[in-house]
mmCIF file of all heavy atoms, coordinates in Angstrom:
data_MODEL
# 
_entry.id   MODEL 
# 
loop_
_atom_site.group_PDB 
_atom_site.id 
_atom_site.type_symbol 
_atom_site.label_atom_id 
_atom_site.label_alt_id 
_atom_site.label_comp_id 
_atom_site.label_asym_id 
_atom_site.label_entity_id 
_atom_site.label_seq_id 
_atom_site.pdbx_PDB_ins_code 
_atom_site.Cartn_x 
_atom_site.Cartn_y 
_atom_site.Cartn_z 
_atom_site.occupancy 
_atom_site.B_iso_or_equiv 
_atom_site.pdbx_formal_charge 
_atom_site.auth_seq_id 
_atom_site.auth_comp_id 
_atom_site.auth_asym_id 
_atom_site.auth_atom_id 
_atom_site.pdbx_PDB_model_num 
ATOM 1   N N   . PHE A 1 1  ? 6.167  11.911  0.950  1.00 0.00 ? 1  PHE A N   1 
ATOM 2   C CA  . PHE A 1 1  ? 5.561  11.241  -0.197 1.00 0.00 ? 1  PHE A CA  1 
ATOM 3   C C   . PHE A 1 1  ? 4.137  11.759  -0.366 1.00 0.00 ? 1  PHE A C   1 
ATOM 4   O O   . PHE A 1 1  ? 3.350  11.744  0.584  1.00 0.00 ? 1  PHE A O   1 
ATOM 5   C CB  . PHE A 1 1  ? 5.563  9.726   0.033  1.00 0.00 ? 1  PHE A CB  1 
ATOM 6   C CG  . PHE A 1 1  ? 4.872  8.941   -1.042 1.00 0.00 ? 1  PHE A CG  1 
ATOM 7   C CD1 . PHE A 1 1  ? 5.521  8.640   -2.222 1.00 0.00 ? 1  PHE A CD1 1 
ATOM 8   C CD2 . PHE A 1 1  ? 3.565  8.491   -0.861 1.00 0.00 ? 1  PHE A CD2 1 
ATOM 9   C CE1 . PHE A 1 1  ? 4.883  7.909   -3.222 1.00 0.00 ? 1  PHE A CE1 1 
ATOM 10  C CE2 . PHE A 1 1  ? 2.926  7.757   -1.843 1.00 0.00 ? 1  PHE A CE2 1 
ATOM 11  C CZ  . PHE A 1 1  ? 3.581  7.467   -3.027 1.00 0.00 ? 1  PHE A CZ  1 
ATOM 12  N N   . GLU A 1 2  ? 3.833  12.208  -1.553 1.00 0.00 ? 2  GLU A N   1 
ATOM 13  C CA  . GLU A 1 2  ? 2.497  12.754  -1.813 1.00 0.00 ? 2  GLU A CA  1 
ATOM 14  C C   . GLU A 1 2  ? 1.544  11.621  -2.158 1.00 0.00 ? 2  GLU A C   1 
ATOM 15  O O   . GLU A 1 2  ? 1.285  11.310  -3.309 1.00 0.00 ? 2  GLU A O   1 
ATOM 16  C CB  . GLU A 1 2  ? 2.559  13.792  -2.941 1.00 0.00 ? 2  GLU A CB  1 
ATOM 17  C CG  . GLU A 1 2  ? 3.387  15.014  -2.630 1.00 0.00 ? 2  GLU A CG  1 
ATOM 18  C CD  . GLU A 1 2  ? 2.876  15.774  -1.402 1.00 0.00 ? 2  GLU A CD  1 
ATOM 19  O OE1 . GLU A 1 2  ? 1.650  15.753  -1.151 1.00 0.00 ? 2  GLU A OE1 1 
ATOM 20  O OE2 . GLU A 1 2  ? 3.704  16.374  -0.699 1.00 0.00 ? 2  GLU A OE2 1 
ATOM 21  N N   . GLY A 1 3  ? 1.022  11.013  -1.135 1.00 0.00 ? 3  GLY A N   1 
ATOM 22  C CA  . GLY A 1 3  ? 0.095  9.902   -1.328 1.00 0.00 ? 3  GLY A CA  1 
ATOM 23  C C   . GLY A 1 3  ? -0.102 9.160   -0.026 1.00 0.00 ? 3  GLY A C   1 
ATOM 24  O O   . GLY A 1 3  ? 0.564  9.428   0.977  1.00 0.00 ? 3  GLY A O   1 
ATOM 25  N N   . SER A 1 4  ? -1.018 8.218   -0.028 1.00 0.00 ? 4  SER A N   1 
ATOM 26  C CA  . SER A 1 4  ? -1.342 7.457   1.175  1.00 0.00 ? 4  SER A CA  1 
ATOM 27  C C   . SER A 1 4  ? -0.337 6.331   1.398  1.00 0.00 ? 4  SER A C   1 
ATOM 28  O O   . SER A 1 4  ? 0.499  6.037   0.541  1.00 0.00 ? 4  SER A O   1 
ATOM 29  C CB  . SER A 1 4  ? -2.747 6.873   1.056  1.00 0.00 ? 4  SER A CB  1 
ATOM 30  O OG  . SER A 1 4  ? -2.769 5.867   0.050  1.00 0.00 ? 4  SER A OG  1 
ATOM 31  N N   . GLU A 1 5  ? -0.454 5.689   2.561  1.00 0.00 ? 5  GLU A N   1 
ATOM 32  C CA  . GLU A 1 5  ? 0.389  4.535   2.854  1.00 0.00 ? 5  GLU A CA  1 
ATOM 33  C C   . GLU A 1 5  ? 0.126  3.416   1.862  1.00 0.00 ? 5  GLU A C   1 
ATOM 34  O O   . GLU A 1 5  ? 1.054  2.733   1.422  1.00 0.00 ? 5  GLU A O   1 
ATOM 35  C CB  . GLU A 1 5  ? 0.119  4.053   4.291  1.00 0.00 ? 5  GLU A CB  1 
ATOM 36  C CG  . GLU A 1 5  ? 0.970  2.869   4.720  1.00 0.00 ? 5  GLU A CG  1 
ATOM 37  C CD  . GLU A 1 5  ? 2.361  3.253   5.193  1.00 0.00 ? 5  GLU A CD  1 
ATOM 38  O OE1 . GLU A 1 5  ? 2.826  4.363   4.852  1.00 0.00 ? 5  GLU A OE1 1 
ATOM 39  O OE2 . GLU A 1 5  ? 2.985  2.434   5.879  1.00 0.00 ? 5  GLU A OE2 1 
ATOM 40  N N   . VAL A 1 6  ? -1.126 3.211   1.483  1.00 0.00 ? 6  VAL A N   1 
ATOM 41  C CA  . VAL A 1 6  ? -1.453 2.175   0.494  1.00 0.00 ? 6  VAL A CA  1 
ATOM 42  C C   . VAL A 1 6  ? -0.796 2.500   -0.840 1.00 0.00 ? 6  VAL A C   1 
ATOM 43  O O   . VAL A 1 6  ? -0.204 1.620   -1.495 1.00 0.00 ? 6  VAL A O   1 
ATOM 44  C CB  . VAL A 1 6  ? -2.983 2.048   0.320  1.00 0.00 ? 6  VAL A CB  1 
ATOM 45  C CG1 . VAL A 1 6  ? -3.317 1.112   -0.840 1.00 0.00 ? 6  VAL A CG1 1 
ATOM 46  C CG2 . VAL A 1 6  ? -3.624 1.526   1.606  1.00 0.00 ? 6  VAL A CG2 1 
ATOM 47  N N   . GLU A 1 7  ? -0.872 3.753   -1.247 1.00 0.00 ? 7  GLU A N   1 
ATOM 48  C CA  . GLU A 1 7  ? -0.257 4.157   -2.523 1.00 0.00 ? 7  GLU A CA  1 
ATOM 49  C C   . GLU A 1 7  ? 1.258  4.013   -2.460 1.00 0.00 ? 7  GLU A C   1 
ATOM 50  O O   . GLU A 1 7  ? 1.888  3.577   -3.433 1.00 0.00 ? 7  GLU A O   1 
ATOM 51  C CB  . GLU A 1 7  ? -0.644 5.597   -2.850 1.00 0.00 ? 7  GLU A CB  1 
ATOM 52  C CG  . GLU A 1 7  ? -2.109 5.751   -3.208 1.00 0.00 ? 7  GLU A CG  1 
ATOM 53  C CD  . GLU A 1 7  ? -2.528 7.209   -3.327 1.00 0.00 ? 7  GLU A CD  1 
ATOM 54  O OE1 . GLU A 1 7  ? -2.001 8.052   -2.567 1.00 0.00 ? 7  GLU A OE1 1 
ATOM 55  O OE2 . GLU A 1 7  ? -3.388 7.506   -4.173 1.00 0.00 ? 7  GLU A OE2 1 
ATOM 56  N N   . TYR A 1 8  ? 1.839  4.375   -1.342 1.00 0.00 ? 8  TYR A N   1 
ATOM 57  C CA  . TYR A 1 8  ? 3.295  4.253   -1.199 1.00 0.00 ? 8  TYR A CA  1 
ATOM 58  C C   . TYR A 1 8  ? 3.744  2.802   -1.318 1.00 0.00 ? 8  TYR A C   1 
ATOM 59  O O   . TYR A 1 8  ? 4.640  2.472   -2.094 1.00 0.00 ? 8  TYR A O   1 
ATOM 60  C CB  . TYR A 1 8  ? 3.743  4.834   0.139  1.00 0.00 ? 8  TYR A CB  1 
ATOM 61  C CG  . TYR A 1 8  ? 5.139  4.429   0.552  1.00 0.00 ? 8  TYR A CG  1 
ATOM 62  C CD1 . TYR A 1 8  ? 6.246  4.877   -0.161 1.00 0.00 ? 8  TYR A CD1 1 
ATOM 63  C CD2 . TYR A 1 8  ? 5.347  3.581   1.642  1.00 0.00 ? 8  TYR A CD2 1 
ATOM 64  C CE1 . TYR A 1 8  ? 7.533  4.497   0.200  1.00 0.00 ? 8  TYR A CE1 1 
ATOM 65  C CE2 . TYR A 1 8  ? 6.623  3.203   2.012  1.00 0.00 ? 8  TYR A CE2 1 
ATOM 66  C CZ  . TYR A 1 8  ? 7.708  3.658   1.287  1.00 0.00 ? 8  TYR A CZ  1 
ATOM 67  O OH  . TYR A 1 8  ? 8.977  3.271   1.652  1.00 0.00 ? 8  TYR A OH  1 
ATOM 68  N N   . LEU A 1 9  ? 3.114  1.918   -0.560 1.00 0.00 ? 9  LEU A N   1 
ATOM 69  C CA  . LEU A 1 9  ? 3.542  0.522   -0.558 1.00 0.00 ? 9  LEU A CA  1 
ATOM 70  C C   . LEU A 1 9  ? 3.235  -0.169  -1.883 1.00 0.00 ? 9  LEU A C   1 
ATOM 71  O O   . LEU A 1 9  ? 3.971  -1.068  -2.306 1.00 0.00 ? 9  LEU A O   1 
ATOM 72  C CB  . LEU A 1 9  ? 2.877  -0.232  0.596  1.00 0.00 ? 9  LEU A CB  1 
ATOM 73  C CG  . LEU A 1 9  ? 3.364  0.148   1.998  1.00 0.00 ? 9  LEU A CG  1 
ATOM 74  C CD1 . LEU A 1 9  ? 2.531  -0.539  3.070  1.00 0.00 ? 9  LEU A CD1 1 
ATOM 75  C CD2 . LEU A 1 9  ? 4.841  -0.195  2.173  1.00 0.00 ? 9  LEU A CD2 1 
ATOM 76  N N   . SER A 1 10 ? 2.177  0.245   -2.557 1.00 0.00 ? 10 SER A N   1 
ATOM 77  C CA  . SER A 1 10 ? 1.838  -0.387  -3.829 1.00 0.00 ? 10 SER A CA  1 
ATOM 78  C C   . SER A 1 10 ? 2.661  0.176   -4.985 1.00 0.00 ? 10 SER A C   1 
ATOM 79  O O   . SER A 1 10 ? 3.187  -0.577  -5.811 1.00 0.00 ? 10 SER A O   1 
ATOM 80  C CB  . SER A 1 10 ? 0.335  -0.234  -4.115 1.00 0.00 ? 10 SER A CB  1 
ATOM 81  O OG  . SER A 1 10 ? -0.035 1.126   -4.145 1.00 0.00 ? 10 SER A OG  1 
ATOM 82  N N   . LYS A 1 11 ? 2.824  1.504   -5.020 1.00 0.00 ? 11 LYS A N   1 
ATOM 83  C CA  . LYS A 1 11 ? 3.551  2.116   -6.130 1.00 0.00 ? 11 LYS A CA  1 
ATOM 84  C C   . LYS A 1 11 ? 5.062  1.994   -5.981 1.00 0.00 ? 11 LYS A C   1 
ATOM 85  O O   . LYS A 1 11 ? 5.765  1.656   -6.929 1.00 0.00 ? 11 LYS A O   1 
ATOM 86  C CB  . LYS A 1 11 ? 3.164  3.596   -6.255 1.00 0.00 ? 11 LYS A CB  1 
ATOM 87  C CG  . LYS A 1 11 ? 1.734  3.829   -6.704 1.00 0.00 ? 11 LYS A CG  1 
ATOM 88  C CD  . LYS A 1 11 ? 1.425  5.324   -6.802 1.00 0.00 ? 11 LYS A CD  1 
ATOM 89  C CE  . LYS A 1 11 ? 0.006  5.568   -7.271 1.00 0.00 ? 11 LYS A CE  1 
ATOM 90  N NZ  . LYS A 1 11 ? -0.305 7.029   -7.349 1.00 0.00 ? 11 LYS A NZ  1 
ATOM 91  N N   . VAL A 1 12 ? 5.562  2.291   -4.800 1.00 0.00 ? 12 VAL A N   1 
ATOM 92  C CA  . VAL A 1 12 ? 7.011  2.312   -4.596 1.00 0.00 ? 12 VAL A CA  1 
ATOM 93  C C   . VAL A 1 12 ? 7.557  0.926   -4.319 1.00 0.00 ? 12 VAL A C   1 
ATOM 94  O O   . VAL A 1 12 ? 8.619  0.547   -4.818 1.00 0.00 ? 12 VAL A O   1 
ATOM 95  C CB  . VAL A 1 12 ? 7.383  3.274   -3.440 1.00 0.00 ? 12 VAL A CB  1 
ATOM 96  C CG1 . VAL A 1 12 ? 8.882  3.260   -3.178 1.00 0.00 ? 12 VAL A CG1 1 
ATOM 97  C CG2 . VAL A 1 12 ? 6.916  4.696   -3.764 1.00 0.00 ? 12 VAL A CG2 1 
ATOM 98  N N   . LYS A 1 13 ? 6.839  0.144   -3.512 1.00 0.00 ? 13 LYS A N   1 
ATOM 99  C CA  . LYS A 1 13 ? 7.311  -1.182  -3.139 1.00 0.00 ? 13 LYS A CA  1 
ATOM 100 C C   . LYS A 1 13 ? 6.783  -2.288  -4.040 1.00 0.00 ? 13 LYS A C   1 
ATOM 101 O O   . LYS A 1 13 ? 7.205  -3.441  -3.926 1.00 0.00 ? 13 LYS A O   1 
ATOM 102 C CB  . LYS A 1 13 ? 6.923  -1.479  -1.685 1.00 0.00 ? 13 LYS A CB  1 
ATOM 103 C CG  . LYS A 1 13 ? 7.564  -0.537  -0.671 1.00 0.00 ? 13 LYS A CG  1 
ATOM 104 C CD  . LYS A 1 13 ? 9.069  -0.688  -0.634 1.00 0.00 ? 13 LYS A CD  1 
ATOM 105 C CE  . LYS A 1 13 ? 9.696  0.160   0.457  1.00 0.00 ? 13 LYS A CE  1 
ATOM 106 N NZ  . LYS A 1 13 ? 11.165 0.016   0.495  1.00 0.00 ? 13 LYS A NZ  1 
ATOM 107 N N   . GLY A 1 14 ? 5.854  -1.940  -4.943 1.00 0.00 ? 14 GLY A N   1 
ATOM 108 C CA  . GLY A 1 14 ? 5.358  -2.921  -5.902 1.00 0.00 ? 14 GLY A CA  1 
ATOM 109 C C   . GLY A 1 14 ? 4.423  -3.964  -5.315 1.00 0.00 ? 14 GLY A C   1 
ATOM 110 O O   . GLY A 1 14 ? 4.288  -5.062  -5.866 1.00 0.00 ? 14 GLY A O   1 
ATOM 111 N N   . MET A 1 15 ? 3.764  -3.633  -4.208 1.00 0.00 ? 15 MET A N   1 
ATOM 112 C CA  . MET A 1 15 ? 2.863  -4.577  -3.565 1.00 0.00 ? 15 MET A CA  1 
ATOM 113 C C   . MET A 1 15 ? 1.443  -4.400  -4.100 1.00 0.00 ? 15 MET A C   1 
ATOM 114 O O   . MET A 1 15 ? 1.049  -3.317  -4.524 1.00 0.00 ? 15 MET A O   1 
ATOM 115 C CB  . MET A 1 15 ? 2.895  -4.383  -2.050 1.00 0.00 ? 15 MET A CB  1 
ATOM 116 C CG  . MET A 1 15 ? 4.274  -4.560  -1.439 1.00 0.00 ? 15 MET A CG  1 
ATOM 117 S SD  . MET A 1 15 ? 4.352  -4.119  0.324  1.00 0.00 ? 15 MET A SD  1 
ATOM 118 C CE  . MET A 1 15 ? 3.306  -5.410  1.019  1.00 0.00 ? 15 MET A CE  1 
ATOM 119 N N   . ASP A 1 16 ? 0.657  -5.467  -4.077 1.00 0.00 ? 16 ASP A N   1 
ATOM 120 C CA  . ASP A 1 16 ? -0.719 -5.423  -4.539 1.00 0.00 ? 16 ASP A CA  1 
ATOM 121 C C   . ASP A 1 16 ? -1.555 -4.561  -3.589 1.00 0.00 ? 16 ASP A C   1 
ATOM 122 O O   . ASP A 1 16 ? -1.532 -4.778  -2.365 1.00 0.00 ? 16 ASP A O   1 
ATOM 123 C CB  . ASP A 1 16 ? -1.290 -6.839  -4.589 1.00 0.00 ? 16 ASP A CB  1 
ATOM 124 C CG  . ASP A 1 16 ? -2.750 -6.837  -4.999 1.00 0.00 ? 16 ASP A CG  1 
ATOM 125 O OD1 . ASP A 1 16 ? -3.034 -6.555  -6.170 1.00 0.00 ? 16 ASP A OD1 1 
ATOM 126 O OD2 . ASP A 1 16 ? -3.604 -7.120  -4.131 1.00 0.00 ? 16 ASP A OD2 1 
ATOM 127 N N   . PRO A 1 17 ? -2.305 -3.577  -4.114 1.00 0.00 ? 17 PRO A N   1 
ATOM 128 C CA  . PRO A 1 17 ? -3.075 -2.683  -3.248 1.00 0.00 ? 17 PRO A CA  1 
ATOM 129 C C   . PRO A 1 17 ? -4.041 -3.416  -2.318 1.00 0.00 ? 17 PRO A C   1 
ATOM 130 O O   . PRO A 1 17 ? -4.202 -3.031  -1.156 1.00 0.00 ? 17 PRO A O   1 
ATOM 131 C CB  . PRO A 1 17 ? -3.825 -1.783  -4.234 1.00 0.00 ? 17 PRO A CB  1 
ATOM 132 C CG  . PRO A 1 17 ? -2.968 -1.786  -5.459 1.00 0.00 ? 17 PRO A CG  1 
ATOM 133 C CD  . PRO A 1 17 ? -2.386 -3.160  -5.531 1.00 0.00 ? 17 PRO A CD  1 
ATOM 134 N N   . ALA A 1 18 ? -4.690 -4.461  -2.830 1.00 0.00 ? 18 ALA A N   1 
ATOM 135 C CA  . ALA A 1 18 ? -5.617 -5.222  -1.984 1.00 0.00 ? 18 ALA A CA  1 
ATOM 136 C C   . ALA A 1 18 ? -4.863 -5.919  -0.857 1.00 0.00 ? 18 ALA A C   1 
ATOM 137 O O   . ALA A 1 18 ? -5.342 -5.975  0.288  1.00 0.00 ? 18 ALA A O   1 
ATOM 138 C CB  . ALA A 1 18 ? -6.370 -6.244  -2.829 1.00 0.00 ? 18 ALA A CB  1 
ATOM 139 N N   . GLN A 1 19 ? -3.681 -6.431  -1.176 1.00 0.00 ? 19 GLN A N   1 
ATOM 140 C CA  . GLN A 1 19 ? -2.859 -7.069  -0.149 1.00 0.00 ? 19 GLN A CA  1 
ATOM 141 C C   . GLN A 1 19 ? -2.422 -6.042  0.899  1.00 0.00 ? 19 GLN A C   1 
ATOM 142 O O   . GLN A 1 19 ? -2.439 -6.320  2.098  1.00 0.00 ? 19 GLN A O   1 
ATOM 143 C CB  . GLN A 1 19 ? -1.632 -7.711  -0.780 1.00 0.00 ? 19 GLN A CB  1 
ATOM 144 C CG  . GLN A 1 19 ? -0.678 -8.350  0.223  1.00 0.00 ? 19 GLN A CG  1 
ATOM 145 C CD  . GLN A 1 19 ? 0.639  -8.777  -0.415 1.00 0.00 ? 19 GLN A CD  1 
ATOM 146 O OE1 . GLN A 1 19 ? 0.853  -8.585  -1.615 1.00 0.00 ? 19 GLN A OE1 1 
ATOM 147 N NE2 . GLN A 1 19 ? 1.527  -9.341  0.382  1.00 0.00 ? 19 GLN A NE2 1 
ATOM 148 N N   . VAL A 1 20 ? -2.049 -4.866  0.439  1.00 0.00 ? 20 VAL A N   1 
ATOM 149 C CA  . VAL A 1 20 ? -1.630 -3.812  1.364  1.00 0.00 ? 20 VAL A CA  1 
ATOM 150 C C   . VAL A 1 20 ? -2.782 -3.421  2.294  1.00 0.00 ? 20 VAL A C   1 
ATOM 151 O O   . VAL A 1 20 ? -2.596 -3.300  3.511  1.00 0.00 ? 20 VAL A O   1 
ATOM 152 C CB  . VAL A 1 20 ? -1.149 -2.570  0.593  1.00 0.00 ? 20 VAL A CB  1 
ATOM 153 C CG1 . VAL A 1 20 ? -0.904 -1.409  1.552  1.00 0.00 ? 20 VAL A CG1 1 
ATOM 154 C CG2 . VAL A 1 20 ? 0.127  -2.886  -0.180 1.00 0.00 ? 20 VAL A CG2 1 
ATOM 155 N N   . SER A 1 21 ? -3.971 -3.249  1.740  1.00 0.00 ? 21 SER A N   1 
ATOM 156 C CA  . SER A 1 21 ? -5.124 -2.869  2.561  1.00 0.00 ? 21 SER A CA  1 
ATOM 157 C C   . SER A 1 21 ? -5.408 -3.917  3.630  1.00 0.00 ? 21 SER A C   1 
ATOM 158 O O   . SER A 1 21 ? -5.662 -3.586  4.796  1.00 0.00 ? 21 SER A O   1 
ATOM 159 C CB  . SER A 1 21 ? -6.355 -2.673  1.674  1.00 0.00 ? 21 SER A CB  1 
ATOM 160 O OG  . SER A 1 21 ? -6.175 -1.585  0.794  1.00 0.00 ? 21 SER A OG  1 
ATOM 161 N N   . GLY A 1 22 ? -5.353 -5.191  3.240  1.00 0.00 ? 22 GLY A N   1 
ATOM 162 C CA  . GLY A 1 22 ? -5.561 -6.258  4.212  1.00 0.00 ? 22 GLY A CA  1 
ATOM 163 C C   . GLY A 1 22 ? -4.491 -6.282  5.279  1.00 0.00 ? 22 GLY A C   1 
ATOM 164 O O   . GLY A 1 22 ? -4.772 -6.513  6.464  1.00 0.00 ? 22 GLY A O   1 
ATOM 165 N N   . MET A 1 23 ? -3.252 -6.035  4.869  1.00 0.00 ? 23 MET A N   1 
ATOM 166 C CA  . MET A 1 23 ? -2.139 -6.010  5.800  1.00 0.00 ? 23 MET A CA  1 
ATOM 167 C C   . MET A 1 23 ? -2.293 -4.877  6.808  1.00 0.00 ? 23 MET A C   1 
ATOM 168 O O   . MET A 1 23 ? -2.053 -5.056  8.015  1.00 0.00 ? 23 MET A O   1 
ATOM 169 C CB  . MET A 1 23 ? -0.838 -5.842  5.012  1.00 0.00 ? 23 MET A CB  1 
ATOM 170 C CG  . MET A 1 23 ? 0.441  -5.956  5.795  1.00 0.00 ? 23 MET A CG  1 
ATOM 171 S SD  . MET A 1 23 ? 1.858  -5.950  4.663  1.00 0.00 ? 23 MET A SD  1 
ATOM 172 C CE  . MET A 1 23 ? 1.702  -4.313  3.943  1.00 0.00 ? 23 MET A CE  1 
ATOM 173 N N   . LEU A 1 24 ? -2.729 -3.713  6.347  1.00 0.00 ? 24 LEU A N   1 
ATOM 174 C CA  . LEU A 1 24 ? -2.907 -2.570  7.243  1.00 0.00 ? 24 LEU A CA  1 
ATOM 175 C C   . LEU A 1 24 ? -4.081 -2.793  8.197  1.00 0.00 ? 24 LEU A C   1 
ATOM 176 O O   . LEU A 1 24 ? -4.029 -2.364  9.352  1.00 0.00 ? 24 LEU A O   1 
ATOM 177 C CB  . LEU A 1 24 ? -3.102 -1.289  6.437  1.00 0.00 ? 24 LEU A CB  1 
ATOM 178 C CG  . LEU A 1 24 ? -1.922 -0.842  5.586  1.00 0.00 ? 24 LEU A CG  1 
ATOM 179 C CD1 . LEU A 1 24 ? -2.215 0.492   4.896  1.00 0.00 ? 24 LEU A CD1 1 
ATOM 180 C CD2 . LEU A 1 24 ? -0.639 -0.751  6.396  1.00 0.00 ? 24 LEU A CD2 1 
ATOM 181 N N   . GLU A 1 25 ? -5.120 -3.469  7.737  1.00 0.00 ? 25 GLU A N   1 
ATOM 182 C CA  . GLU A 1 25 ? -6.233 -3.803  8.632  1.00 0.00 ? 25 GLU A CA  1 
ATOM 183 C C   . GLU A 1 25 ? -5.756 -4.733  9.743  1.00 0.00 ? 25 GLU A C   1 
ATOM 184 O O   . GLU A 1 25 ? -6.136 -4.574  10.907 1.00 0.00 ? 25 GLU A O   1 
ATOM 185 C CB  . GLU A 1 25 ? -7.358 -4.459  7.840  1.00 0.00 ? 25 GLU A CB  1 
ATOM 186 C CG  . GLU A 1 25 ? -8.117 -3.509  6.931  1.00 0.00 ? 25 GLU A CG  1 
ATOM 187 C CD  . GLU A 1 25 ? -9.189 -4.218  6.119  1.00 0.00 ? 25 GLU A CD  1 
ATOM 188 O OE1 . GLU A 1 25 ? -9.426 -5.430  6.372  1.00 0.00 ? 25 GLU A OE1 1 
ATOM 189 O OE2 . GLU A 1 25 ? -9.796 -3.573  5.246  1.00 0.00 ? 25 GLU A OE2 1 
ATOM 190 N N   . HIS A 1 26 ? -4.913 -5.694  9.371  1.00 0.00 ? 26 HIS A N   1 
ATOM 191 C CA  . HIS A 1 26 ? -4.396 -6.636  10.364 1.00 0.00 ? 26 HIS A CA  1 
ATOM 192 C C   . HIS A 1 26 ? -3.526 -5.934  11.397 1.00 0.00 ? 26 HIS A C   1 
ATOM 193 O O   . HIS A 1 26 ? -3.694 -6.145  12.605 1.00 0.00 ? 26 HIS A O   1 
ATOM 194 C CB  . HIS A 1 26 ? -3.579 -7.727  9.657  1.00 0.00 ? 26 HIS A CB  1 
ATOM 195 C CG  . HIS A 1 26 ? -2.840 -8.625  10.597 1.00 0.00 ? 26 HIS A CG  1 
ATOM 196 N ND1 . HIS A 1 26 ? -3.475 -9.521  11.437 1.00 0.00 ? 26 HIS A ND1 1 
ATOM 197 C CD2 . HIS A 1 26 ? -1.502 -8.759  10.851 1.00 0.00 ? 26 HIS A CD2 1 
ATOM 198 C CE1 . HIS A 1 26 ? -2.577 -10.166 12.164 1.00 0.00 ? 26 HIS A CE1 1 
ATOM 199 N NE2 . HIS A 1 26 ? -1.376 -9.729  11.829 1.00 0.00 ? 26 HIS A NE2 1 
# 
């Protein structure tokens, strides 16, 4: 996938980017 983990989870999985960033920090 040409993009970051945040981009993948937000674009492909439809998750909120801010939520994804917080989840990855956790």
